Amino acid sequence: RDLGVMLDDSFSTIRRLLGPGTRKASQA
């Protein structure tokens, strides 16, 4: 799809991984 949309999805995932209490910084 549009690259910007694809990256928006990726960064939404990254922010979830960086959320408080997740401890998934290595995945992010």
mmCIF file of all heavy atoms, coordinates in Angstrom:
data_MODEL
# 
_entry.id   MODEL 
# 
loop_
_atom_site.group_PDB 
_atom_site.id 
_atom_site.type_symbol 
_atom_site.label_atom_id 
_atom_site.label_alt_id 
_atom_site.label_comp_id 
_atom_site.label_asym_id 
_atom_site.label_entity_id 
_atom_site.label_seq_id 
_atom_site.pdbx_PDB_ins_code 
_atom_site.Cartn_x 
_atom_site.Cartn_y 
_atom_site.Cartn_z 
_atom_site.occupancy 
_atom_site.B_iso_or_equiv 
_atom_site.pdbx_formal_charge 
_atom_site.auth_seq_id 
_atom_site.auth_comp_id 
_atom_site.auth_asym_id 
_atom_site.auth_atom_id 
_atom_site.pdbx_PDB_model_num 
ATOM 1   N N   . ARG A 1 1  ? 0.854  -1.187 0.000  1.00 0.00 ? 1  ARG A N   1 
ATOM 2   C CA  . ARG A 1 1  ? 0.000  0.000  0.000  1.00 0.00 ? 1  ARG A CA  1 
ATOM 3   C C   . ARG A 1 1  ? 0.883  1.228  0.000  1.00 0.00 ? 1  ARG A C   1 
ATOM 4   O O   . ARG A 1 1  ? 2.077  1.138  -0.198 1.00 0.00 ? 1  ARG A O   1 
ATOM 5   C CB  . ARG A 1 1  ? -0.892 -0.002 1.248  1.00 0.00 ? 1  ARG A CB  1 
ATOM 6   C CG  . ARG A 1 1  ? -1.839 -1.199 1.329  1.00 0.00 ? 1  ARG A CG  1 
ATOM 7   C CD  . ARG A 1 1  ? -2.401 -1.337 2.734  1.00 0.00 ? 1  ARG A CD  1 
ATOM 8   N NE  . ARG A 1 1  ? -1.369 -1.815 3.653  1.00 0.00 ? 1  ARG A NE  1 
ATOM 9   C CZ  . ARG A 1 1  ? -1.454 -1.711 4.963  1.00 0.00 ? 1  ARG A CZ  1 
ATOM 10  N NH1 . ARG A 1 1  ? -2.485 -1.106 5.518  1.00 0.00 ? 1  ARG A NH1 1 
ATOM 11  N NH2 . ARG A 1 1  ? -0.494 -2.180 5.732  1.00 0.00 ? 1  ARG A NH2 1 
ATOM 12  N N   . ASP A 1 2  ? 0.273  2.361  0.215  1.00 0.00 ? 2  ASP A N   1 
ATOM 13  C CA  . ASP A 1 2  ? 1.046  3.586  0.335  1.00 0.00 ? 2  ASP A CA  1 
ATOM 14  C C   . ASP A 1 2  ? 2.068  3.422  1.458  1.00 0.00 ? 2  ASP A C   1 
ATOM 15  O O   . ASP A 1 2  ? 1.741  2.960  2.551  1.00 0.00 ? 2  ASP A O   1 
ATOM 16  C CB  . ASP A 1 2  ? 0.098  4.750  0.639  1.00 0.00 ? 2  ASP A CB  1 
ATOM 17  C CG  . ASP A 1 2  ? 0.851  6.038  0.873  1.00 0.00 ? 2  ASP A CG  1 
ATOM 18  O OD1 . ASP A 1 2  ? 1.260  6.665  -0.113 1.00 0.00 ? 2  ASP A OD1 1 
ATOM 19  O OD2 . ASP A 1 2  ? 1.039  6.380  2.052  1.00 0.00 ? 2  ASP A OD2 1 
ATOM 20  N N   . LEU A 1 3  ? 3.328  3.827  1.202  1.00 0.00 ? 3  LEU A N   1 
ATOM 21  C CA  . LEU A 1 3  ? 4.395  3.622  2.179  1.00 0.00 ? 3  LEU A CA  1 
ATOM 22  C C   . LEU A 1 3  ? 4.102  4.331  3.492  1.00 0.00 ? 3  LEU A C   1 
ATOM 23  O O   . LEU A 1 3  ? 4.365  3.795  4.570  1.00 0.00 ? 3  LEU A O   1 
ATOM 24  C CB  . LEU A 1 3  ? 5.727  4.097  1.605  1.00 0.00 ? 3  LEU A CB  1 
ATOM 25  C CG  . LEU A 1 3  ? 6.941  3.882  2.504  1.00 0.00 ? 3  LEU A CG  1 
ATOM 26  C CD1 . LEU A 1 3  ? 7.173  2.400  2.752  1.00 0.00 ? 3  LEU A CD1 1 
ATOM 27  C CD2 . LEU A 1 3  ? 8.187  4.503  1.890  1.00 0.00 ? 3  LEU A CD2 1 
ATOM 28  N N   . GLY A 1 4  ? 3.548  5.547  3.406  1.00 0.00 ? 4  GLY A N   1 
ATOM 29  C CA  . GLY A 1 4  ? 3.228  6.282  4.630  1.00 0.00 ? 4  GLY A CA  1 
ATOM 30  C C   . GLY A 1 4  ? 2.233  5.543  5.500  1.00 0.00 ? 4  GLY A C   1 
ATOM 31  O O   . GLY A 1 4  ? 2.364  5.492  6.730  1.00 0.00 ? 4  GLY A O   1 
ATOM 32  N N   . VAL A 1 5  ? 1.229  4.917  4.858  1.00 0.00 ? 5  VAL A N   1 
ATOM 33  C CA  . VAL A 1 5  ? 0.227  4.136  5.607  1.00 0.00 ? 5  VAL A CA  1 
ATOM 34  C C   . VAL A 1 5  ? 0.893  2.927  6.253  1.00 0.00 ? 5  VAL A C   1 
ATOM 35  O O   . VAL A 1 5  ? 0.625  2.587  7.416  1.00 0.00 ? 5  VAL A O   1 
ATOM 36  C CB  . VAL A 1 5  ? -0.923 3.702  4.676  1.00 0.00 ? 5  VAL A CB  1 
ATOM 37  C CG1 . VAL A 1 5  ? -1.885 2.787  5.412  1.00 0.00 ? 5  VAL A CG1 1 
ATOM 38  C CG2 . VAL A 1 5  ? -1.662 4.914  4.140  1.00 0.00 ? 5  VAL A CG2 1 
ATOM 39  N N   . MET A 1 6  ? 1.789  2.271  5.493  1.00 0.00 ? 6  MET A N   1 
ATOM 40  C CA  . MET A 1 6  ? 2.494  1.106  6.036  1.00 0.00 ? 6  MET A CA  1 
ATOM 41  C C   . MET A 1 6  ? 3.335  1.493  7.244  1.00 0.00 ? 6  MET A C   1 
ATOM 42  O O   . MET A 1 6  ? 3.351  0.786  8.263  1.00 0.00 ? 6  MET A O   1 
ATOM 43  C CB  . MET A 1 6  ? 3.380  0.493  4.949  1.00 0.00 ? 6  MET A CB  1 
ATOM 44  C CG  . MET A 1 6  ? 2.604  -0.106 3.784  1.00 0.00 ? 6  MET A CG  1 
ATOM 45  S SD  . MET A 1 6  ? 3.675  -0.605 2.421  1.00 0.00 ? 6  MET A SD  1 
ATOM 46  C CE  . MET A 1 6  ? 4.634  -1.902 3.191  1.00 0.00 ? 6  MET A CE  1 
ATOM 47  N N   . LEU A 1 7  ? 4.031  2.627  7.147  1.00 0.00 ? 7  LEU A N   1 
ATOM 48  C CA  . LEU A 1 7  ? 4.859  3.061  8.270  1.00 0.00 ? 7  LEU A CA  1 
ATOM 49  C C   . LEU A 1 7  ? 4.011  3.516  9.445  1.00 0.00 ? 7  LEU A C   1 
ATOM 50  O O   . LEU A 1 7  ? 4.389  3.325  10.601 1.00 0.00 ? 7  LEU A O   1 
ATOM 51  C CB  . LEU A 1 7  ? 5.817  4.169  7.822  1.00 0.00 ? 7  LEU A CB  1 
ATOM 52  C CG  . LEU A 1 7  ? 6.922  3.727  6.862  1.00 0.00 ? 7  LEU A CG  1 
ATOM 53  C CD1 . LEU A 1 7  ? 7.792  4.914  6.452  1.00 0.00 ? 7  LEU A CD1 1 
ATOM 54  C CD2 . LEU A 1 7  ? 7.783  2.638  7.474  1.00 0.00 ? 7  LEU A CD2 1 
ATOM 55  N N   . ASP A 1 8  ? 2.864  4.138  9.167  1.00 0.00 ? 8  ASP A N   1 
ATOM 56  C CA  . ASP A 1 8  ? 1.942  4.502  10.255 1.00 0.00 ? 8  ASP A CA  1 
ATOM 57  C C   . ASP A 1 8  ? 1.575  3.265  11.067 1.00 0.00 ? 8  ASP A C   1 
ATOM 58  O O   . ASP A 1 8  ? 1.555  3.286  12.303 1.00 0.00 ? 8  ASP A O   1 
ATOM 59  C CB  . ASP A 1 8  ? 0.667  5.141  9.694  1.00 0.00 ? 8  ASP A CB  1 
ATOM 60  C CG  . ASP A 1 8  ? 0.847  6.626  9.395  1.00 0.00 ? 8  ASP A CG  1 
ATOM 61  O OD1 . ASP A 1 8  ? 1.702  7.259  10.039 1.00 0.00 ? 8  ASP A OD1 1 
ATOM 62  O OD2 . ASP A 1 8  ? 0.135  7.140  8.521  1.00 0.00 ? 8  ASP A OD2 1 
ATOM 63  N N   . ASP A 1 9  ? 1.275  2.163  10.368 1.00 0.00 ? 9  ASP A N   1 
ATOM 64  C CA  . ASP A 1 9  ? 0.938  0.913  11.051 1.00 0.00 ? 9  ASP A CA  1 
ATOM 65  C C   . ASP A 1 9  ? 2.112  0.415  11.887 1.00 0.00 ? 9  ASP A C   1 
ATOM 66  O O   . ASP A 1 9  ? 1.938  -0.032 13.027 1.00 0.00 ? 9  ASP A O   1 
ATOM 67  C CB  . ASP A 1 9  ? 0.542  -0.169 10.032 1.00 0.00 ? 9  ASP A CB  1 
ATOM 68  C CG  . ASP A 1 9  ? -0.808 0.102  9.395  1.00 0.00 ? 9  ASP A CG  1 
ATOM 69  O OD1 . ASP A 1 9  ? -1.542 0.958  9.912  1.00 0.00 ? 9  ASP A OD1 1 
ATOM 70  O OD2 . ASP A 1 9  ? -1.118 -0.545 8.372  1.00 0.00 ? 9  ASP A OD2 1 
ATOM 71  N N   . SER A 1 10 ? 3.315  0.487  11.293 1.00 0.00 ? 10 SER A N   1 
ATOM 72  C CA  . SER A 1 10 ? 4.502  0.013  12.019 1.00 0.00 ? 10 SER A CA  1 
ATOM 73  C C   . SER A 1 10 ? 4.741  0.823  13.286 1.00 0.00 ? 10 SER A C   1 
ATOM 74  O O   . SER A 1 10 ? 5.039  0.264  14.349 1.00 0.00 ? 10 SER A O   1 
ATOM 75  C CB  . SER A 1 10 ? 5.742  0.105  11.115 1.00 0.00 ? 10 SER A CB  1 
ATOM 76  O OG  . SER A 1 10 ? 5.643  -0.776 10.019 1.00 0.00 ? 10 SER A OG  1 
ATOM 77  N N   . PHE A 1 11 ? 4.588  2.145  13.184 1.00 0.00 ? 11 PHE A N   1 
ATOM 78  C CA  . PHE A 1 11 ? 4.851  2.975  14.354 1.00 0.00 ? 11 PHE A CA  1 
ATOM 79  C C   . PHE A 1 11 ? 3.743  2.854  15.400 1.00 0.00 ? 11 PHE A C   1 
ATOM 80  O O   . PHE A 1 11 ? 3.993  3.048  16.587 1.00 0.00 ? 11 PHE A O   1 
ATOM 81  C CB  . PHE A 1 11 ? 5.071  4.426  13.937 1.00 0.00 ? 11 PHE A CB  1 
ATOM 82  C CG  . PHE A 1 11 ? 6.430  4.657  13.331 1.00 0.00 ? 11 PHE A CG  1 
ATOM 83  C CD1 . PHE A 1 11 ? 6.579  4.893  11.984 1.00 0.00 ? 11 PHE A CD1 1 
ATOM 84  C CD2 . PHE A 1 11 ? 7.566  4.599  14.125 1.00 0.00 ? 11 PHE A CD2 1 
ATOM 85  C CE1 . PHE A 1 11 ? 7.822  5.086  11.420 1.00 0.00 ? 11 PHE A CE1 1 
ATOM 86  C CE2 . PHE A 1 11 ? 8.827  4.791  13.570 1.00 0.00 ? 11 PHE A CE2 1 
ATOM 87  C CZ  . PHE A 1 11 ? 8.960  5.025  12.221 1.00 0.00 ? 11 PHE A CZ  1 
ATOM 88  N N   . SER A 1 12 ? 2.534  2.518  14.972 1.00 0.00 ? 12 SER A N   1 
ATOM 89  C CA  . SER A 1 12 ? 1.475  2.231  15.949 1.00 0.00 ? 12 SER A CA  1 
ATOM 90  C C   . SER A 1 12 ? 1.859  1.008  16.765 1.00 0.00 ? 12 SER A C   1 
ATOM 91  O O   . SER A 1 12 ? 1.682  0.966  17.995 1.00 0.00 ? 12 SER A O   1 
ATOM 92  C CB  . SER A 1 12 ? 0.146  1.996  15.234 1.00 0.00 ? 12 SER A CB  1 
ATOM 93  O OG  . SER A 1 12 ? -0.300 3.180  14.601 1.00 0.00 ? 12 SER A OG  1 
ATOM 94  N N   . THR A 1 13 ? 2.410  0.001  16.081 1.00 0.00 ? 13 THR A N   1 
ATOM 95  C CA  . THR A 1 13 ? 2.871  -1.208 16.775 1.00 0.00 ? 13 THR A CA  1 
ATOM 96  C C   . THR A 1 13 ? 4.031  -0.890 17.707 1.00 0.00 ? 13 THR A C   1 
ATOM 97  O O   . THR A 1 13 ? 4.076  -1.359 18.848 1.00 0.00 ? 13 THR A O   1 
ATOM 98  C CB  . THR A 1 13 ? 3.316  -2.265 15.752 1.00 0.00 ? 13 THR A CB  1 
ATOM 99  O OG1 . THR A 1 13 ? 2.212  -2.589 14.894 1.00 0.00 ? 13 THR A OG1 1 
ATOM 100 C CG2 . THR A 1 13 ? 3.804  -3.531 16.449 1.00 0.00 ? 13 THR A CG2 1 
ATOM 101 N N   . ILE A 1 14 ? 4.969  -0.057 17.228 1.00 0.00 ? 14 ILE A N   1 
ATOM 102 C CA  . ILE A 1 14 ? 6.124  0.304  18.046 1.00 0.00 ? 14 ILE A CA  1 
ATOM 103 C C   . ILE A 1 14 ? 5.685  1.017  19.317 1.00 0.00 ? 14 ILE A C   1 
ATOM 104 O O   . ILE A 1 14 ? 6.187  0.738  20.413 1.00 0.00 ? 14 ILE A O   1 
ATOM 105 C CB  . ILE A 1 14 ? 7.091  1.189  17.231 1.00 0.00 ? 14 ILE A CB  1 
ATOM 106 C CG1 . ILE A 1 14 ? 7.759  0.364  16.124 1.00 0.00 ? 14 ILE A CG1 1 
ATOM 107 C CG2 . ILE A 1 14 ? 8.151  1.833  18.129 1.00 0.00 ? 14 ILE A CG2 1 
ATOM 108 C CD1 . ILE A 1 14 ? 8.485  1.187  15.086 1.00 0.00 ? 14 ILE A CD1 1 
ATOM 109 N N   . ARG A 1 15 ? 4.717  1.930  19.203 1.00 0.00 ? 15 ARG A N   1 
ATOM 110 C CA  . ARG A 1 15 ? 4.259  2.666  20.386 1.00 0.00 ? 15 ARG A CA  1 
ATOM 111 C C   . ARG A 1 15 ? 3.560  1.735  21.371 1.00 0.00 ? 15 ARG A C   1 
ATOM 112 O O   . ARG A 1 15 ? 3.659  1.920  22.587 1.00 0.00 ? 15 ARG A O   1 
ATOM 113 C CB  . ARG A 1 15 ? 3.336  3.811  19.964 1.00 0.00 ? 15 ARG A CB  1 
ATOM 114 C CG  . ARG A 1 15 ? 4.103  4.974  19.329 1.00 0.00 ? 15 ARG A CG  1 
ATOM 115 C CD  . ARG A 1 15 ? 3.263  6.237  19.258 1.00 0.00 ? 15 ARG A CD  1 
ATOM 116 N NE  . ARG A 1 15 ? 4.074  7.355  18.803 1.00 0.00 ? 15 ARG A NE  1 
ATOM 117 C CZ  . ARG A 1 15 ? 4.217  7.714  17.543 1.00 0.00 ? 15 ARG A CZ  1 
ATOM 118 N NH1 . ARG A 1 15 ? 3.584  7.029  16.594 1.00 0.00 ? 15 ARG A NH1 1 
ATOM 119 N NH2 . ARG A 1 15 ? 4.982  8.733  17.207 1.00 0.00 ? 15 ARG A NH2 1 
ATOM 120 N N   . ARG A 1 16 ? 2.854  0.726  20.850 1.00 0.00 ? 16 ARG A N   1 
ATOM 121 C CA  . ARG A 1 16 ? 2.232  -0.252 21.768 1.00 0.00 ? 16 ARG A CA  1 
ATOM 122 C C   . ARG A 1 16 ? 3.311  -1.032 22.516 1.00 0.00 ? 16 ARG A C   1 
ATOM 123 O O   . ARG A 1 16 ? 3.182  -1.303 23.713 1.00 0.00 ? 16 ARG A O   1 
ATOM 124 C CB  . ARG A 1 16 ? 1.337  -1.212 20.988 1.00 0.00 ? 16 ARG A CB  1 
ATOM 125 C CG  . ARG A 1 16 ? 0.006  -0.607 20.546 1.00 0.00 ? 16 ARG A CG  1 
ATOM 126 C CD  . ARG A 1 16 ? -0.997 -1.691 20.171 1.00 0.00 ? 16 ARG A CD  1 
ATOM 127 N NE  . ARG A 1 16 ? -0.520 -2.511 19.055 1.00 0.00 ? 16 ARG A NE  1 
ATOM 128 C CZ  . ARG A 1 16 ? -0.733 -2.215 17.781 1.00 0.00 ? 16 ARG A CZ  1 
ATOM 129 N NH1 . ARG A 1 16 ? -1.398 -1.114 17.459 1.00 0.00 ? 16 ARG A NH1 1 
ATOM 130 N NH2 . ARG A 1 16 ? -0.297 -3.012 16.835 1.00 0.00 ? 16 ARG A NH2 1 
ATOM 131 N N   . LEU A 1 17 ? 4.372  -1.393 21.801 1.00 0.00 ? 17 LEU A N   1 
ATOM 132 C CA  . LEU A 1 17 ? 5.460  -2.133 22.439 1.00 0.00 ? 17 LEU A CA  1 
ATOM 133 C C   . LEU A 1 17 ? 6.194  -1.295 23.477 1.00 0.00 ? 17 LEU A C   1 
ATOM 134 O O   . LEU A 1 17 ? 6.772  -1.825 24.426 1.00 0.00 ? 17 LEU A O   1 
ATOM 135 C CB  . LEU A 1 17 ? 6.451  -2.618 21.375 1.00 0.00 ? 17 LEU A CB  1 
ATOM 136 C CG  . LEU A 1 17 ? 5.924  -3.676 20.396 1.00 0.00 ? 17 LEU A CG  1 
ATOM 137 C CD1 . LEU A 1 17 ? 6.936  -3.916 19.276 1.00 0.00 ? 17 LEU A CD1 1 
ATOM 138 C CD2 . LEU A 1 17 ? 5.618  -4.979 21.121 1.00 0.00 ? 17 LEU A CD2 1 
ATOM 139 N N   . LEU A 1 18 ? 6.190  0.029  23.278 1.00 0.00 ? 18 LEU A N   1 
ATOM 140 C CA  . LEU A 1 18 ? 6.876  0.933  24.208 1.00 0.00 ? 18 LEU A CA  1 
ATOM 141 C C   . LEU A 1 18 ? 5.971  1.417  25.332 1.00 0.00 ? 18 LEU A C   1 
ATOM 142 O O   . LEU A 1 18 ? 6.394  2.199  26.179 1.00 0.00 ? 18 LEU A O   1 
ATOM 143 C CB  . LEU A 1 18 ? 7.416  2.151  23.448 1.00 0.00 ? 18 LEU A CB  1 
ATOM 144 C CG  . LEU A 1 18 ? 8.546  1.884  22.447 1.00 0.00 ? 18 LEU A CG  1 
ATOM 145 C CD1 . LEU A 1 18 ? 8.857  3.151  21.659 1.00 0.00 ? 18 LEU A CD1 1 
ATOM 146 C CD2 . LEU A 1 18 ? 9.796  1.372  23.150 1.00 0.00 ? 18 LEU A CD2 1 
ATOM 147 N N   . GLY A 1 19 ? 4.719  0.956  25.335 1.00 0.00 ? 19 GLY A N   1 
ATOM 148 C CA  . GLY A 1 19 ? 3.767  1.403  26.341 1.00 0.00 ? 19 GLY A CA  1 
ATOM 149 C C   . GLY A 1 19 ? 4.180  1.004  27.743 1.00 0.00 ? 19 GLY A C   1 
ATOM 150 O O   . GLY A 1 19 ? 4.984  0.088  27.943 1.00 0.00 ? 19 GLY A O   1 
ATOM 151 N N   . PRO A 1 20 ? 3.662  1.709  28.741 1.00 0.00 ? 20 PRO A N   1 
ATOM 152 C CA  . PRO A 1 20 ? 4.034  1.412  30.139 1.00 0.00 ? 20 PRO A CA  1 
ATOM 153 C C   . PRO A 1 20 ? 3.682  -0.024 30.518 1.00 0.00 ? 20 PRO A C   1 
ATOM 154 O O   . PRO A 1 20 ? 2.606  -0.526 30.194 1.00 0.00 ? 20 PRO A O   1 
ATOM 155 C CB  . PRO A 1 20 ? 3.199  2.426  30.948 1.00 0.00 ? 20 PRO A CB  1 
ATOM 156 C CG  . PRO A 1 20 ? 2.101  2.873  30.030 1.00 0.00 ? 20 PRO A CG  1 
ATOM 157 C CD  . PRO A 1 20 ? 2.648  2.773  28.648 1.00 0.00 ? 20 PRO A CD  1 
ATOM 158 N N   . GLY A 1 21 ? 4.635  -0.686 31.175 1.00 0.00 ? 21 GLY A N   1 
ATOM 159 C CA  . GLY A 1 21 ? 4.400  -2.029 31.666 1.00 0.00 ? 21 GLY A CA  1 
ATOM 160 C C   . GLY A 1 21 ? 4.575  -3.136 30.640 1.00 0.00 ? 21 GLY A C   1 
ATOM 161 O O   . GLY A 1 21 ? 4.401  -4.306 30.960 1.00 0.00 ? 21 GLY A O   1 
ATOM 162 N N   . THR A 1 22 ? 4.942  -2.796 29.380 1.00 0.00 ? 22 THR A N   1 
ATOM 163 C CA  . THR A 1 22 ? 5.052  -3.838 28.358 1.00 0.00 ? 22 THR A CA  1 
ATOM 164 C C   . THR A 1 22 ? 6.407  -4.538 28.365 1.00 0.00 ? 22 THR A C   1 
ATOM 165 O O   . THR A 1 22 ? 6.510  -5.714 28.089 1.00 0.00 ? 22 THR A O   1 
ATOM 166 C CB  . THR A 1 22 ? 4.795  -3.255 26.959 1.00 0.00 ? 22 THR A CB  1 
ATOM 167 O OG1 . THR A 1 22 ? 5.730  -2.206 26.726 1.00 0.00 ? 22 THR A OG1 1 
ATOM 168 C CG2 . THR A 1 22 ? 3.383  -2.712 26.855 1.00 0.00 ? 22 THR A CG2 1 
ATOM 169 N N   . ARG A 1 23 ? 7.486  -3.784 28.624 1.00 0.00 ? 23 ARG A N   1 
ATOM 170 C CA  . ARG A 1 23 ? 8.846  -4.330 28.660 1.00 0.00 ? 23 ARG A CA  1 
ATOM 171 C C   . ARG A 1 23 ? 9.194  -5.061 27.359 1.00 0.00 ? 23 ARG A C   1 
ATOM 172 O O   . ARG A 1 23 ? 9.707  -6.175 27.376 1.00 0.00 ? 23 ARG A O   1 
ATOM 173 C CB  . ARG A 1 23 ? 9.025  -5.277 29.847 1.00 0.00 ? 23 ARG A CB  1 
ATOM 174 C CG  . ARG A 1 23 ? 8.756  -4.617 31.182 1.00 0.00 ? 23 ARG A CG  1 
ATOM 175 C CD  . ARG A 1 23 ? 9.191  -5.453 32.337 1.00 0.00 ? 23 ARG A CD  1 
ATOM 176 N NE  . ARG A 1 23 ? 8.986  -4.747 33.574 1.00 0.00 ? 23 ARG A NE  1 
ATOM 177 C CZ  . ARG A 1 23 ? 9.725  -4.929 34.663 1.00 0.00 ? 23 ARG A CZ  1 
ATOM 178 N NH1 . ARG A 1 23 ? 10.719 -5.778 34.644 1.00 0.00 ? 23 ARG A NH1 1 
ATOM 179 N NH2 . ARG A 1 23 ? 9.484  -4.254 35.759 1.00 0.00 ? 23 ARG A NH2 1 
ATOM 180 N N   . LYS A 1 24 ? 8.883  -4.447 26.262 1.00 0.00 ? 24 LYS A N   1 
ATOM 181 C CA  . LYS A 1 24 ? 9.163  -5.058 24.965 1.00 0.00 ? 24 LYS A CA  1 
ATOM 182 C C   . LYS A 1 24 ? 10.016 -4.127 24.102 1.00 0.00 ? 24 LYS A C   1 
ATOM 183 O O   . LYS A 1 24 ? 9.835  -4.035 22.897 1.00 0.00 ? 24 LYS A O   1 
ATOM 184 C CB  . LYS A 1 24 ? 7.859  -5.408 24.254 1.00 0.00 ? 24 LYS A CB  1 
ATOM 185 C CG  . LYS A 1 24 ? 7.047  -6.479 24.981 1.00 0.00 ? 24 LYS A CG  1 
ATOM 186 C CD  . LYS A 1 24 ? 5.775  -6.825 24.233 1.00 0.00 ? 24 LYS A CD  1 
ATOM 187 C CE  . LYS A 1 24 ? 4.994  -7.918 24.971 1.00 0.00 ? 24 LYS A CE  1 
ATOM 188 N NZ  . LYS A 1 24 ? 3.724  -8.248 24.278 1.00 0.00 ? 24 LYS A NZ  1 
ATOM 189 N N   . ALA A 1 25 ? 10.969 -3.445 24.756 1.00 0.00 ? 25 ALA A N   1 
ATOM 190 C CA  . ALA A 1 25 ? 11.811 -2.491 24.040 1.00 0.00 ? 25 ALA A CA  1 
ATOM 191 C C   . ALA A 1 25 ? 12.641 -3.172 22.957 1.00 0.00 ? 25 ALA A C   1 
ATOM 192 O O   . ALA A 1 25 ? 12.891 -2.598 21.896 1.00 0.00 ? 25 ALA A O   1 
ATOM 193 C CB  . ALA A 1 25 ? 12.722 -1.755 25.021 1.00 0.00 ? 25 ALA A CB  1 
ATOM 194 N N   . SER A 1 26 ? 13.091 -4.422 23.221 1.00 0.00 ? 26 SER A N   1 
ATOM 195 C CA  . SER A 1 26 ? 13.905 -5.117 22.220 1.00 0.00 ? 26 SER A CA  1 
ATOM 196 C C   . SER A 1 26 ? 13.104 -5.400 20.962 1.00 0.00 ? 26 SER A C   1 
ATOM 197 O O   . SER A 1 26 ? 13.619 -5.315 19.838 1.00 0.00 ? 26 SER A O   1 
ATOM 198 C CB  . SER A 1 26 ? 14.460 -6.423 22.792 1.00 0.00 ? 26 SER A CB  1 
ATOM 199 O OG  . SER A 1 26 ? 13.407 -7.280 23.185 1.00 0.00 ? 26 SER A OG  1 
ATOM 200 N N   . GLN A 1 27 ? 11.795 -5.724 21.125 1.00 0.00 ? 27 GLN A N   1 
ATOM 201 C CA  . GLN A 1 27 ? 10.946 -5.944 19.957 1.00 0.00 ? 27 GLN A CA  1 
ATOM 202 C C   . GLN A 1 27 ? 10.712 -4.641 19.204 1.00 0.00 ? 27 GLN A C   1 
ATOM 203 O O   . GLN A 1 27 ? 10.702 -4.614 17.974 1.00 0.00 ? 27 GLN A O   1 
ATOM 204 C CB  . GLN A 1 27 ? 9.607  -6.553 20.389 1.00 0.00 ? 27 GLN A CB  1 
ATOM 205 C CG  . GLN A 1 27 ? 9.726  -7.964 20.949 1.00 0.00 ? 27 GLN A CG  1 
ATOM 206 C CD  . GLN A 1 27 ? 8.373  -8.525 21.335 1.00 0.00 ? 27 GLN A CD  1 
ATOM 207 O OE1 . GLN A 1 27 ? 7.374  -8.315 20.648 1.00 0.00 ? 27 GLN A OE1 1 
ATOM 208 N NE2 . GLN A 1 27 ? 8.329  -9.241 22.453 1.00 0.00 ? 27 GLN A NE2 1 
ATOM 209 N N   . ALA A 1 28 ? 10.523 -3.543 19.969 1.00 0.00 ? 28 ALA A N   1 
ATOM 210 C CA  . ALA A 1 28 ? 10.331 -2.243 19.341 1.00 0.00 ? 28 ALA A CA  1 
ATOM 211 C C   . ALA A 1 28 ? 11.576 -1.850 18.551 1.00 0.00 ? 28 ALA A C   1 
ATOM 212 O O   . ALA A 1 28 ? 11.482 -1.313 17.436 1.00 0.00 ? 28 ALA A O   1 
ATOM 213 C CB  . ALA A 1 28 ? 10.026 -1.187 20.402 1.00 0.00 ? 28 ALA A CB  1 
# 
